[in-house]
Amino acid sequence: MSIIAWVVLGLISGFLASKVVNKSGDGFILDVVLGVVGAVIGGVLFNIVGAVGVTGFNIWSMFVAFIGAVVLLVIKHAVLGRRAVL
């Protein structure tokens, strides 16, 4: 997958995850980073349970990245608390 596809995938999944967990977006750059890191975390988690991780720029990869980003946000809030900024 190209860098542009990773950024677009990261932006969409990071934005959606931050809307679900935070009820507001975290900003363009943080949403992209959150989505890309979430895609990596989601890919690892899905591979552990025997499912396919990120496979390209498609709906399944968006779902995997979204789940990874939600997990990352939940861990961030558990460790740093609600008031802290990543």
Protein backbone atom coordinates (compact mmCIF):
# COMPACT_ATOMS: atom_id res chain seq x y z
CA MET A 1 0.00 0.00 0.00
CA SER A 2 1.34 3.45 -0.84
CA ILE A 3 2.05 6.18 1.70
CA ILE A 4 -0.92 8.22 0.45
CA ALA A 5 -3.25 5.24 0.93
CA TRP A 6 -1.91 4.73 4.49
CA VAL A 7 -2.51 8.41 5.28
CA VAL A 8 -6.06 8.34 3.88
CA LEU A 9 -6.84 5.06 5.66
CA GLY A 10 -5.33 6.48 8.85
CA LEU A 11 -7.25 9.72 8.61
CA ILE A 12 -10.62 8.10 8.11
CA SER A 13 -10.22 5.35 10.71
CA GLY A 14 -8.52 7.62 13.25
CA PHE A 15 -11.20 10.27 12.88
CA LEU A 16 -14.01 7.74 13.29
CA ALA A 17 -12.35 6.13 16.31
CA SER A 18 -11.75 9.46 18.02
CA LYS A 19 -15.39 10.42 17.38
CA VAL A 20 -16.57 7.17 18.97
CA VAL A 21 -14.25 7.26 22.00
CA ASN A 22 -13.78 11.01 22.58
CA LYS A 23 -17.01 12.32 21.04
CA SER A 24 -14.80 14.80 19.12
CA GLY A 25 -11.90 14.60 16.70
CA ASP A 26 -8.34 15.00 17.97
CA GLY A 27 -7.12 17.12 15.05
CA PHE A 28 -5.91 16.23 11.58
CA ILE A 29 -2.36 15.12 12.39
CA LEU A 30 -3.28 13.18 15.53
CA ASP A 31 -6.18 11.47 13.74
CA VAL A 32 -3.85 10.33 10.93
CA VAL A 33 -1.22 9.07 13.37
CA LEU A 34 -3.91 7.40 15.48
CA GLY A 35 -5.34 5.66 12.42
CA VAL A 36 -2.00 4.44 11.06
CA VAL A 37 -0.84 3.17 14.47
CA GLY A 38 -4.33 1.73 14.95
CA ALA A 39 -3.97 -0.14 11.65
CA VAL A 40 -0.74 -1.71 12.89
CA ILE A 41 -2.27 -2.60 16.28
CA GLY A 42 -5.44 -3.89 14.63
CA GLY A 43 -3.42 -5.98 12.19
CA VAL A 44 -1.48 -7.56 15.04
CA LEU A 45 -4.64 -8.21 17.07
CA PHE A 46 -6.48 -9.73 14.12
CA ASN A 47 -3.49 -11.93 13.24
CA ILE A 48 -3.35 -13.18 16.86
CA VAL A 49 -6.97 -14.38 16.70
CA GLY A 50 -6.42 -15.94 13.27
CA ALA A 51 -8.12 -13.32 11.07
CA VAL A 52 -6.59 -11.33 8.24
CA GLY A 53 -5.18 -7.90 9.14
CA VAL A 54 -4.80 -4.90 6.83
CA THR A 55 -4.89 -6.10 3.23
CA GLY A 56 -4.94 -2.85 1.27
CA PHE A 57 -7.24 0.12 0.84
CA ASN A 58 -10.63 -1.52 1.38
CA ILE A 59 -13.49 -1.73 3.89
CA TRP A 60 -11.96 -4.65 5.81
CA SER A 61 -8.70 -2.77 6.33
CA MET A 62 -10.68 0.30 7.46
CA PHE A 63 -12.50 -1.88 10.00
CA VAL A 64 -9.21 -3.38 11.27
CA ALA A 65 -7.63 0.08 11.57
CA PHE A 66 -10.74 1.42 13.33
CA ILE A 67 -10.70 -1.39 15.91
CA GLY A 68 -6.97 -0.88 16.49
CA ALA A 69 -7.43 2.88 16.89
CA VAL A 70 -10.29 2.36 19.38
CA VAL A 71 -8.12 -0.04 21.40
CA LEU A 72 -5.28 2.51 21.33
CA LEU A 73 -7.58 5.32 22.51
CA VAL A 74 -9.08 3.21 25.30
CA ILE A 75 -5.59 2.29 26.54
CA LYS A 76 -4.50 5.94 26.28
CA HIS A 77 -7.46 7.09 28.37
CA ALA A 78 -6.92 4.34 30.92
CA VAL A 79 -3.24 5.22 31.36
CA LEU A 80 -3.29 9.00 31.02
CA GLY A 81 -6.82 9.83 32.09
CA ARG A 82 -9.48 11.87 30.31
CA ARG A 83 -7.82 15.27 30.67
CA ALA A 84 -4.42 14.32 29.22
CA VAL A 85 -3.61 14.87 25.55
CA LEU A 86 -1.60 12.29 23.61
